[in-house]
C-alpha atoms as a PDB file:
ATOM      1  CA  MET A   1       6.272  44.559-283.755  1.00  0.00           C
ATOM      2  CA  ASP A   2       2.608  45.227-282.936  1.00  0.00           C
ATOM      3  CA  ILE A   3       0.489  47.923-284.537  1.00  0.00           C
ATOM      4  CA  LYS A   4       0.454  50.317-281.792  1.00  0.00           C
ATOM      5  CA  ALA A   5       4.602  50.332-281.976  1.00  0.00           C
ATOM      6  CA  ILE A   6       4.105  51.260-285.718  1.00  0.00           C
ATOM      7  CA  PHE A   7       2.288  53.983-285.780  1.00  0.00           C
ATOM      8  CA  MET A   8       3.483  55.700-282.424  1.00  0.00           C
ATOM      9  CA  GLY A   9       7.338  54.759-284.685  1.00  0.00           C
ATOM     10  CA  VAL A  10       5.583  56.481-288.398  1.00  0.00           C
ATOM     11  CA  ALA A  11       4.280  59.024-286.824  1.00  0.00           C
ATOM     12  CA  PHE A  12       7.644  59.730-283.972  1.00  0.00           C
ATOM     13  CA  ALA A  13       9.008  59.729-287.665  1.00  0.00           C
ATOM     14  CA  PHE A  14       6.726  62.302-289.289  1.00  0.00           C
ATOM     15  CA  MET A  15       6.910  64.702-286.852  1.00  0.00           C
ATOM     16  CA  TRP A  16      10.470  64.931-286.973  1.00  0.00           C
ATOM     17  CA  SER A  17      11.109  64.762-290.427  1.00  0.00           C
ATOM     18  CA  SER A  18       8.804  68.278-290.873  1.00  0.00           C
ATOM     19  CA  ALA A  19      10.311  69.784-288.574  1.00  0.00           C
ATOM     20  CA  PHE A  20      12.688  71.083-291.365  1.00  0.00           C
ATOM     21  CA  THR A  21       9.641  72.070-293.211  1.00  0.00           C
ATOM     22  CA  SER A  22       8.319  74.487-290.181  1.00  0.00           C
ATOM     23  CA  ALA A  23      12.071  75.145-289.970  1.00  0.00           C
ATOM     24  CA  ARG A  24      12.088  76.440-293.549  1.00  0.00           C
ATOM     25  CA  MET A  25       8.952  78.884-292.885  1.00  0.00           C
ATOM     26  CA  ILE A  26      10.516  80.449-290.023  1.00  0.00           C
ATOM     27  CA  VAL A  27      13.197  81.276-290.347  1.00  0.00           C
ATOM     28  CA  VAL A  28      12.097  83.132-293.957  1.00  0.00           C
ATOM     29  CA  ASP A  29      10.182  85.799-291.391  1.00  0.00           C
ATOM     30  CA  ALA A  30      12.947  85.905-288.098  1.00  0.00           C
ATOM     31  CA  PRO A  31      15.794  85.402-287.033  1.00  0.00           C
ATOM     32  CA  PRO A  32      16.861  82.221-287.050  1.00  0.00           C
ATOM     33  CA  LEU A  33      19.112  81.653-283.793  1.00  0.00           C
ATOM     34  CA  MET A  34      16.453  83.984-281.790  1.00  0.00           C
ATOM     35  CA  ALA A  35      13.206  81.783-283.160  1.00  0.00           C
ATOM     36  CA  LEU A  36      15.669  78.168-281.909  1.00  0.00           C
ATOM     37  CA  SER A  37      16.699  79.711-278.289  1.00  0.00           C
ATOM     38  CA  LEU A  38      13.398  81.123-278.268  1.00  0.00           C
ATOM     39  CA  ARG A  39      11.676  77.457-278.809  1.00  0.00           C
ATOM     40  CA  PHE A  40      14.250  76.006-276.730  1.00  0.00           C
ATOM     41  CA  LEU A  41      13.364  78.024-273.788  1.00  0.00           C
ATOM     42  CA  ILE A  42       9.709  77.640-273.908  1.00  0.00           C
ATOM     43  CA  ALA A  43       9.696  73.420-274.604  1.00  0.00           C
ATOM     44  CA  GLY A  44      12.688  73.169-272.170  1.00  0.00           C
ATOM     45  CA  LEU A  45      10.477  74.799-269.526  1.00  0.00           C
ATOM     46  CA  ILE A  46       7.045  72.909-270.362  1.00  0.00           C
ATOM     47  CA  GLY A  47       9.044  69.317-270.387  1.00  0.00           C
ATOM     48  CA  ILE A  48      10.807  70.055-267.107  1.00  0.00           C
ATOM     49  CA  ALA A  49       7.789  71.217-265.421  1.00  0.00           C
ATOM     50  CA  ILE A  50       5.699  67.631-266.968  1.00  0.00           C
ATOM     51  CA  ALA A  51       8.461  66.273-265.489  1.00  0.00           C
ATOM     52  CA  TRP A  52       8.150  66.954-262.423  1.00  0.00           C
ATOM     53  CA  VAL A  53       4.819  66.557-261.819  1.00  0.00           C
ATOM     54  CA  LEU A  54       5.186  62.287-262.539  1.00  0.00           C
ATOM     55  CA  GLY A  55       8.109  62.907-260.427  1.00  0.00           C
ATOM     56  CA  GLN A  56      11.224  63.030-261.567  1.00  0.00           C
ATOM     57  CA  SER A  57      14.056  64.700-260.060  1.00  0.00           C
ATOM     58  CA  TRP A  58      17.076  66.379-261.326  1.00  0.00           C
ATOM     59  CA  HIS A  59      18.789  65.275-259.309  1.00  0.00           C
ATOM     60  CA  LEU A  60      20.929  63.768-261.844  1.00  0.00           C
ATOM     61  CA  SER A  61      23.116  61.567-262.178  1.00  0.00           C
ATOM     62  CA  ARG A  62      27.254  62.784-263.565  1.00  0.00           C
ATOM     63  CA  GLY A  63      26.077  60.546-266.949  1.00  0.00           C
ATOM     64  CA  GLN A  64      23.211  62.366-266.860  1.00  0.00           C
ATOM     65  CA  TRP A  65      24.270  65.570-266.345  1.00  0.00           C
ATOM     66  CA  ARG A  66      27.208  64.926-269.145  1.00  0.00           C
ATOM     67  CA  ALA A  67      24.843  64.098-271.740  1.00  0.00           C
ATOM     68  CA  THR A  68      23.356  66.853-270.569  1.00  0.00           C
ATOM     69  CA  VAL A  69      25.062  69.289-271.441  1.00  0.00           C
ATOM     70  CA  VAL A  70      27.044  67.599-274.241  1.00  0.00           C
ATOM     71  CA  PHE A  71      23.725  67.029-275.864  1.00  0.00           C
ATOM     72  CA  GLY A  72      22.472  70.787-274.959  1.00  0.00           C
ATOM     73  CA  ILE A  73      25.525  71.847-277.007  1.00  0.00           C
ATOM     74  CA  CYS A  74      25.830  69.268-279.503  1.00  0.00           C
ATOM     75  CA  GLN A  75      21.769  68.305-280.360  1.00  0.00           C
ATOM     76  CA  ASN A  76      20.151  72.268-279.714  1.00  0.00           C
ATOM     77  CA  ALA A  77      22.940  74.233-280.189  1.00  0.00           C
ATOM     78  CA  LEU A  78      25.044  72.972-283.142  1.00  0.00           C
ATOM     79  CA  TYR A  79      23.084  71.010-284.515  1.00  0.00           C
ATOM     80  CA  LEU A  80      19.737  72.860-284.607  1.00  0.00           C
ATOM     81  CA  GLY A  81      21.646  75.930-284.967  1.00  0.00           C
ATOM     82  CA  LEU A  82      23.633  75.122-288.112  1.00  0.00           C
ATOM     83  CA  ASN A  83      20.703  73.658-289.798  1.00  0.00           C
ATOM     84  CA  PHE A  84      18.524  76.770-288.993  1.00  0.00           C
ATOM     85  CA  VAL A  85      20.923  78.971-290.105  1.00  0.00           C
ATOM     86  CA  ALA A  86      21.825  76.669-292.999  1.00  0.00           C
ATOM     87  CA  MET A  87      18.187  77.001-293.791  1.00  0.00           C
ATOM     88  CA  GLN A  88      18.447  80.082-295.193  1.00  0.00           C
ATOM     89  CA  LYS A  89      20.732  79.260-298.076  1.00  0.00           C
ATOM     90  CA  ILE A  90      19.085  75.534-299.024  1.00  0.00           C
ATOM     91  CA  GLU A  91      15.637  74.690-298.548  1.00  0.00           C
ATOM     92  CA  ALA A  92      14.484  72.112-296.525  1.00  0.00           C
ATOM     93  CA  GLY A  93      13.887  69.428-298.238  1.00  0.00           C
ATOM     94  CA  LEU A  94      17.815  69.422-298.848  1.00  0.00           C
ATOM     95  CA  ALA A  95      18.674  69.668-295.259  1.00  0.00           C
ATOM     96  CA  SER A  96      16.018  67.110-294.502  1.00  0.00           C
ATOM     97  CA  ILE A  97      17.892  64.362-296.282  1.00  0.00           C
ATOM     98  CA  ILE A  98      21.491  65.160-294.481  1.00  0.00           C
ATOM     99  CA  ALA A  99      20.154  64.659-291.204  1.00  0.00           C
ATOM    100  CA  ALA A 100      18.187  61.575-292.226  1.00  0.00           C
ATOM    101  CA  SER A 101      21.369  60.241-292.976  1.00  0.00           C
ATOM    102  CA  LEU A 102      22.362  60.440-289.008  1.00  0.00           C
ATOM    103  CA  PRO A 103      21.915  56.818-288.986  1.00  0.00           C
ATOM    104  CA  LEU A 104      24.317  56.087-291.131  1.00  0.00           C
ATOM    105  CA  MET A 105      27.090  58.242-290.198  1.00  0.00           C
ATOM    106  CA  VAL A 106      26.688  57.096-286.365  1.00  0.00           C
ATOM    107  CA  ALA A 107      27.210  53.453-287.954  1.00  0.00           C
ATOM    108  CA  LEU A 108      30.201  54.470-289.861  1.00  0.00           C
ATOM    109  CA  ALA A 109      31.762  56.308-287.390  1.00  0.00           C
ATOM    110  CA  GLY A 110      31.311  53.653-284.623  1.00  0.00           C
ATOM    111  CA  TRP A 111      33.283  50.652-287.491  1.00  0.00           C
ATOM    112  CA  LEU A 112      35.894  53.293-288.579  1.00  0.00           C
ATOM    113  CA  PHE A 113      36.591  54.900-285.547  1.00  0.00           C
ATOM    114  CA  LEU A 114      35.505  52.276-282.324  1.00  0.00           C
ATOM    115  CA  GLY A 115      35.967  49.735-283.864  1.00  0.00           C
ATOM    116  CA  GLU A 116      32.665  48.786-283.493  1.00  0.00           C
ATOM    117  CA  LYS A 117      31.642  45.141-285.605  1.00  0.00           C
ATOM    118  CA  THR A 118      28.637  45.752-288.342  1.00  0.00           C
ATOM    119  CA  ARG A 119      27.455  42.599-290.690  1.00  0.00           C
ATOM    120  CA  PRO A 120      27.773  42.732-294.310  1.00  0.00           C
ATOM    121  CA  LEU A 121      24.332  43.242-294.418  1.00  0.00           C
ATOM    122  CA  GLY A 122      25.660  46.846-292.164  1.00  0.00           C
ATOM    123  CA  LEU A 123      28.136  47.349-294.373  1.00  0.00           C
ATOM    124  CA  LEU A 124      26.465  47.247-297.545  1.00  0.00           C
ATOM    125  CA  GLY A 125      23.347  49.874-296.242  1.00  0.00           C
ATOM    126  CA  LEU A 126      26.518  52.065-295.411  1.00  0.00           C
ATOM    127  CA  ALA A 127      27.907  51.460-299.246  1.00  0.00           C
ATOM    128  CA  ALA A 128      24.269  51.751-300.265  1.00  0.00           C
ATOM    129  CA  GLY A 129      23.259  55.319-298.075  1.00  0.00           C
ATOM    130  CA  MET A 130      26.282  57.628-298.913  1.00  0.00           C
ATOM    131  CA  VAL A 131      26.158  56.545-302.779  1.00  0.00           C
ATOM    132  CA  GLY A 132      22.747  58.051-302.748  1.00  0.00           C
ATOM    133  CA  VAL A 133      23.883  61.074-300.645  1.00  0.00           C
ATOM    134  CA  LEU A 134      26.833  61.666-302.760  1.00  0.00           C
ATOM    135  CA  LEU A 135      23.940  62.055-305.474  1.00  0.00           C
ATOM    136  CA  ILE A 136      21.768  63.464-304.061  1.00  0.00           C
ATOM    137  CA  MET A 137      24.662  66.345-303.461  1.00  0.00           C
ATOM    138  CA  GLY A 138      25.912  66.013-307.030  1.00  0.00           C
ATOM    139  CA  SER A 139      22.567  66.808-308.702  1.00  0.00           C
ATOM    140  CA  ARG A 140      22.273  69.888-306.542  1.00  0.00           C
ATOM    141  CA  LEU A 141      26.188  71.100-306.053  1.00  0.00           C
ATOM    142  CA  SER A 142      25.602  71.943-310.612  1.00  0.00           C
ATOM    143  CA  GLY A 143      21.713  72.884-310.225  1.00  0.00           C
ATOM    144  CA  GLY A 144      23.202  76.203-307.854  1.00  0.00           C
ATOM    145  CA  VAL A 145      22.943  75.376-304.026  1.00  0.00           C
ATOM    146  CA  ASP A 146      23.679  77.408-301.716  1.00  0.00           C
ATOM    147  CA  PRO A 147      27.387  75.806-301.117  1.00  0.00           C
ATOM    148  CA  THR A 148      27.691  77.393-297.215  1.00  0.00           C
ATOM    149  CA  GLY A 149      24.649  76.288-296.527  1.00  0.00           C
ATOM    150  CA  LEU A 150      25.442  72.437-297.466  1.00  0.00           C
ATOM    151  CA  VAL A 151      28.403  72.982-295.263  1.00  0.00           C
ATOM    152  CA  LEU A 152      26.890  74.096-292.801  1.00  0.00           C
ATOM    153  CA  CYS A 153      24.528  70.458-292.095  1.00  0.00           C
ATOM    154  CA  LEU A 154      27.664  68.453-292.965  1.00  0.00           C
ATOM    155  CA  LEU A 155      28.947  70.233-289.933  1.00  0.00           C
ATOM    156  CA  GLY A 156      25.684  69.784-287.678  1.00  0.00           C
ATOM    157  CA  ALA A 157      25.554  66.019-289.098  1.00  0.00           C
ATOM    158  CA  ALA A 158      29.067  65.613-287.528  1.00  0.00           C
ATOM    159  CA  ALA A 159      28.733  67.466-284.520  1.00  0.00           C
ATOM    160  CA  LEU A 160      25.670  65.299-283.856  1.00  0.00           C
ATOM    161  CA  THR A 161      27.381  62.252-284.614  1.00  0.00           C
ATOM    162  CA  VAL A 162      30.196  63.138-282.143  1.00  0.00           C
ATOM    163  CA  ALA A 163      27.715  63.903-279.620  1.00  0.00           C
ATOM    164  CA  THR A 164      26.182  60.257-280.188  1.00  0.00           C
ATOM    165  CA  LEU A 165      29.122  58.570-279.498  1.00  0.00           C
ATOM    166  CA  THR A 166      30.498  60.264-277.023  1.00  0.00           C
ATOM    167  CA  VAL A 167      27.692  59.675-275.077  1.00  0.00           C
ATOM    168  CA  ARG A 168      25.763  56.497-275.833  1.00  0.00           C
ATOM    169  CA  GLY A 169      24.187  55.494-273.151  1.00  0.00           C
ATOM    170  CA  ALA A 170      24.596  57.663-270.795  1.00  0.00           C
ATOM    171  CA  SER A 171      21.070  59.055-270.564  1.00  0.00           C
ATOM    172  CA  SER A 172      19.667  55.414-268.543  1.00  0.00           C
ATOM    173  CA  GLY A 173      18.994  55.332-264.737  1.00  0.00           C
ATOM    174  CA  GLY A 174      15.658  57.459-265.062  1.00  0.00           C
ATOM    175  CA  ASN A 175      14.502  61.111-265.626  1.00  0.00           C
ATOM    176  CA  LEU A 176      14.354  60.875-269.200  1.00  0.00           C
ATOM    177  CA  LEU A 177      11.732  63.926-269.390  1.00  0.00           C
ATOM    178  CA  MET A 178      14.385  65.735-267.292  1.00  0.00           C
ATOM    179  CA  VAL A 179      16.787  65.494-268.667  1.00  0.00           C
ATOM    180  CA  VAL A 180      15.732  66.265-272.173  1.00  0.00           C
ATOM    181  CA  GLY A 181      13.951  69.854-270.624  1.00  0.00           C
ATOM    182  CA  LEU A 182      17.449  70.707-269.220  1.00  0.00           C
ATOM    183  CA  GLN A 183      19.193  69.636-272.277  1.00  0.00           C
ATOM    184  CA  MET A 184      16.368  72.235-274.148  1.00  0.00           C
ATOM    185  CA  LEU A 185      17.195  75.298-271.416  1.00  0.00           C
ATOM    186  CA  VAL A 186      20.925  74.328-271.720  1.00  0.00           C
ATOM    187  CA  GLY A 187      20.536  74.562-275.443  1.00  0.00           C
ATOM    188  CA  ALA A 188      18.691  78.061-274.892  1.00  0.00           C
ATOM    189  CA  VAL A 189      20.697  79.540-273.742  1.00  0.00           C
ATOM    190  CA  CYS A 190      24.169  78.712-276.121  1.00  0.00           C
ATOM    191  CA  LEU A 191      22.281  79.494-278.910  1.00  0.00           C
ATOM    192  CA  GLY A 192      20.656  83.200-276.923  1.00  0.00           C
ATOM    193  CA  ALA A 193      24.367  84.154-276.614  1.00  0.00           C
ATOM    194  CA  VAL A 194      25.422  83.504-280.075  1.00  0.00           C
ATOM    195  CA  SER A 195      22.034  85.591-281.413  1.00  0.00           C
ATOM    196  CA  ALA A 196      22.802  88.452-278.717  1.00  0.00           C
ATOM    197  CA  ALA A 197      25.951  89.029-280.998  1.00  0.00           C
ATOM    198  CA  THR A 198      25.481  88.052-283.981  1.00  0.00           C
ATOM    199  CA  GLU A 199      21.106  88.723-284.953  1.00  0.00           C
ATOM    200  CA  THR A 200      19.594  91.950-285.457  1.00  0.00           C
ATOM    201  CA  TYR A 201      16.150  91.042-284.140  1.00  0.00           C
ATOM    202  CA  ALA A 202      14.116  91.855-286.878  1.00  0.00           C
ATOM    203  CA  VAL A 203      10.564  89.856-287.796  1.00  0.00           C
ATOM    204  CA  THR A 204       7.513  90.085-290.067  1.00  0.00           C
ATOM    205  CA  TRP A 205       4.835  88.951-288.177  1.00  0.00           C
ATOM    206  CA  SER A 206       2.335  86.614-290.531  1.00  0.00           C
ATOM    207  CA  LEU A 207       0.135  84.037-289.256  1.00  0.00           C
ATOM    208  CA  ARG A 208       2.242  81.278-290.658  1.00  0.00           C
ATOM    209  CA  LEU A 209       4.811  82.123-289.274  1.00  0.00           C
ATOM    210  CA  VAL A 210       2.907  81.882-285.229  1.00  0.00           C
ATOM    211  CA  LEU A 211       1.492  78.396-286.801  1.00  0.00           C
ATOM    212  CA  ALA A 212       5.380  77.392-287.804  1.00  0.00           C
ATOM    213  CA  PHE A 213       6.767  78.057-284.492  1.00  0.00           C
ATOM    214  CA  ALA A 214       4.026  76.527-282.962  1.00  0.00           C
ATOM    215  CA  TYR A 215       4.330  73.141-284.442  1.00  0.00           C
ATOM    216  CA  THR A 216       8.128  73.798-284.518  1.00  0.00           C
ATOM    217  CA  THR A 217       7.668  73.643-280.408  1.00  0.00           C
ATOM    218  CA  LEU A 218       4.913  71.631-279.531  1.00  0.00           C
ATOM    219  CA  VAL A 219       4.977  69.248-281.606  1.00  0.00           C
ATOM    220  CA  SER A 220       8.212  68.219-283.351  1.00  0.00           C
ATOM    221  CA  GLY A 221      10.544  69.528-279.934  1.00  0.00           C
ATOM    222  CA  LEU A 222       8.083  68.377-276.734  1.00  0.00           C
ATOM    223  CA  ILE A 223       5.713  66.111-278.449  1.00  0.00           C
ATOM    224  CA  ALA A 224       7.482  64.222-280.643  1.00  0.00           C
ATOM    225  CA  THR A 225      10.609  63.197-277.606  1.00  0.00           C
ATOM    226  CA  LEU A 226       7.542  62.284-275.648  1.00  0.00           C
ATOM    227  CA  VAL A 227       6.474  60.050-278.024  1.00  0.00           C
ATOM    228  CA  TRP A 228      10.422  58.330-279.072  1.00  0.00           C
ATOM    229  CA  PHE A 229      10.304  57.312-275.609  1.00  0.00           C
ATOM    230  CA  MET A 230       7.581  55.990-275.320  1.00  0.00           C
ATOM    231  CA  LEU A 231       8.429  53.747-278.491  1.00  0.00           C
ATOM    232  CA  VAL A 232      11.139  52.972-277.094  1.00  0.00           C
ATOM    233  CA  GLU A 233      10.201  51.468-273.559  1.00  0.00           C
ATOM    234  CA  ARG A 234       7.455  49.443-275.607  1.00  0.00           C
ATOM    235  CA  ILE A 235       9.984  48.127-278.414  1.00  0.00           C
ATOM    236  CA  GLY A 236      13.927  48.960-277.514  1.00  0.00           C
ATOM    237  CA  THR A 237      16.103  50.987-278.756  1.00  0.00           C
ATOM    238  CA  VAL A 238      17.370  49.422-281.903  1.00  0.00           C
ATOM    239  CA  ARG A 239      14.052  48.177-282.974  1.00  0.00           C
ATOM    240  CA  ALA A 240      12.353  52.204-282.328  1.00  0.00           C
ATOM    241  CA  ALA A 241      16.043  53.106-284.571  1.00  0.00           C
ATOM    242  CA  THR A 242      14.617  51.030-287.276  1.00  0.00           C
ATOM    243  CA  PHE A 243      12.104  54.164-288.039  1.00  0.00           C
ATOM    244  CA  HIS A 244      14.997  56.137-289.351  1.00  0.00           C
ATOM    245  CA  PHE A 245      14.639  55.059-292.758  1.00  0.00           C
ATOM    246  CA  LEU A 246      10.954  56.643-293.012  1.00  0.00           C
ATOM    247  CA  ASN A 247      13.006  59.865-292.484  1.00  0.00           C
ATOM    248  CA  PRO A 248      14.545  60.674-296.527  1.00  0.00           C
ATOM    249  CA  PHE A 249      11.145  60.274-297.348  1.00  0.00           C
ATOM    250  CA  LEU A 250       8.844  61.832-295.583  1.00  0.00           C
ATOM    251  CA  GLY A 251      11.742  65.108-295.007  1.00  0.00           C
ATOM    252  CA  VAL A 252      11.291  65.480-299.305  1.00  0.00           C
ATOM    253  CA  SER A 253       7.470  64.368-299.381  1.00  0.00           C
ATOM    254  CA  VAL A 254       6.986  67.255-297.101  1.00  0.00           C
ATOM    255  CA  ALA A 255       8.603  70.013-298.569  1.00  0.00           C
ATOM    256  CA  ALA A 256       7.455  69.530-301.750  1.00  0.00           C
ATOM    257  CA  LEU A 257       3.694  69.352-300.652  1.00  0.00           C
ATOM    258  CA  ILE A 258       4.210  72.441-298.344  1.00  0.00           C
ATOM    259  CA  LEU A 259       6.828  74.397-299.627  1.00  0.00           C
ATOM    260  CA  GLY A 260       6.572  73.168-303.332  1.00  0.00           C
ATOM    261  CA  GLU A 261       9.997  72.141-302.878  1.00  0.00           C
ATOM    262  CA  ALA A 262      10.454  71.431-306.580  1.00  0.00           C
ATOM    263  CA  LEU A 263      12.233  67.315-306.629  1.00  0.00           C
ATOM    264  CA  GLY A 264      14.572  65.937-309.501  1.00  0.00           C
ATOM    265  CA  TRP A 265      15.403  62.034-310.726  1.00  0.00           C
ATOM    266  CA  ALA A 266      18.472  62.108-308.814  1.00  0.00           C
ATOM    267  CA  ASP A 267      16.492  63.295-305.552  1.00  0.00           C
ATOM    268  CA  VAL A 268      14.667  60.623-306.207  1.00  0.00           C
ATOM    269  CA  ILE A 269      16.905  58.079-306.313  1.00  0.00           C
ATOM    270  CA  GLY A 270      19.419  58.815-304.057  1.00  0.00           C
ATOM    271  CA  VAL A 271      16.360  58.913-301.395  1.00  0.00           C
ATOM    272  CA  ALA A 272      15.390  55.220-302.046  1.00  0.00           C
ATOM    273  CA  ILE A 273      19.001  54.173-302.174  1.00  0.00           C
ATOM    274  CA  ILE A 274      19.471  56.150-298.090  1.00  0.00           C
ATOM    275  CA  THR A 275      16.409  55.102-297.903  1.00  0.00           C
ATOM    276  CA  LEU A 276      17.026  51.519-297.782  1.00  0.00           C
ATOM    277  CA  GLY A 277      20.683  52.527-296.789  1.00  0.00           C
ATOM    278  CA  ILE A 278      19.506  52.754-293.318  1.00  0.00           C
ATOM    279  CA  LEU A 279      16.721  49.548-293.282  1.00  0.00           C
ATOM    280  CA  ALA A 280      19.587  47.570-293.696  1.00  0.00           C
ATOM    281  CA  VAL A 281      21.978  49.280-291.292  1.00  0.00           C
ATOM    282  CA  GLN A 282      19.036  49.287-288.988  1.00  0.00           C
ATOM    283  CA  ILE A 283      18.178  45.768-289.665  1.00  0.00           C
ATOM    284  CA  SER A 284      22.100  44.667-289.758  1.00  0.00           C
ATOM    285  CA  LYS A 285      21.870  46.392-286.196  1.00  0.00           C
ATOM    286  CA  ALA A 286      19.103  44.050-284.896  1.00  0.00           C
ATOM    287  CA  GLN A 287      20.492  40.818-285.588  1.00  0.00           C
ATOM    288  CA  GLN A 288      23.380  41.243-284.520  1.00  0.00           C
ATOM    289  CA  LYS A 289      21.653  42.464-281.240  1.00  0.00           C
ATOM    290  CA  ALA A 290      20.215  38.761-281.179  1.00  0.00           C
ATOM    291  CA  ASP A 291      23.214  37.035-281.325  1.00  0.00           C
ATOM    292  CA  LEU A 292      24.513  38.202-278.199  1.00  0.00           C
ATOM    293  CA  ALA A 293      21.445  38.160-276.349  1.00  0.00           C
ATOM    294  CA  ARG A 294      22.021  34.062-277.006  1.00  0.00           C
END
C-alpha cells in the first residue's frame, strides 16, 4: 500500500467519522428528516451531473438498479434518517461508535446467517468488537443516555447491514458515481415524503447551521464517496475497508473536540477494543481472500 493510498484512506475515514458531528449541529436547529432530504437532493444532483460529464450512463443493469433502490432506502433513508432523528436525543460520539461497528455487524451476520467462513482471527475480532460495544452501551445507559435514541441508531445499523449483505457486489459494472447519485435521489424522495407528513418546518438559522449543512452535503457526502471509490479502484475493496478501523477513534475524537462531548474511561477502553476488533476482522478477510487467490 503506497503513501497516496494511505492518505486517501485516512482522509475518507476522517470525512466519514466527522459527519456525525456536523449532523448533530444540524438537528439542533433544523428538522432532521427535512435537512437530510435536502442534503441528498443537492448531493445527488451534483453527483449525477458529474457522472454525466464523465460519460457515465443511467442505463443501469438490473443488479445496479436493485442496488440503487435497496441502498437508497436502507442506507440513505433508514440508516441515516434514523441516525439523524436519534441525534436529537443522543450525542454524536455514541452514534458514530454504533455506526462504526458496521463492519463487525456485516461480518457477524454473514457468519451466522450466510455460512461465510471466518478465520480464528476474524472470530476473535468479532468477539472483541462486540465486547467493546456492550461496554460503551452499558456505561452510557447507566449514565442516563436516552434509550430511544440508542435503539434508533441500532435499527439504522441493522438496516444497513441487511442492505450490504443483500446487494453485495451488485453495484459492479461501471457507472458507480451515477449509481451513488441515483441512490441519493431515492433517499431524498423517501425522506422528503416522511418529513412532509411528520415534521414542522421550523429552522433556527445560524452560520454554524449553514456551514455544518454544507460540510455534510459536500464533504462527508459527495467528496467522501468519490475518495472511497478512488481508493477501492487503487487498492481493492478488502484492503480499503481496513481503514474503517479508524472510524471509532476519529468519531469520538471529533465530537469531543468540536462539540465538547465528555469521554469516560469506559468510552476510551471500549473504542480501543472496537478499533482492534474491526482491524482483526479486516485483516482476516484480507488473508482469506489471499488464500482463495492462490
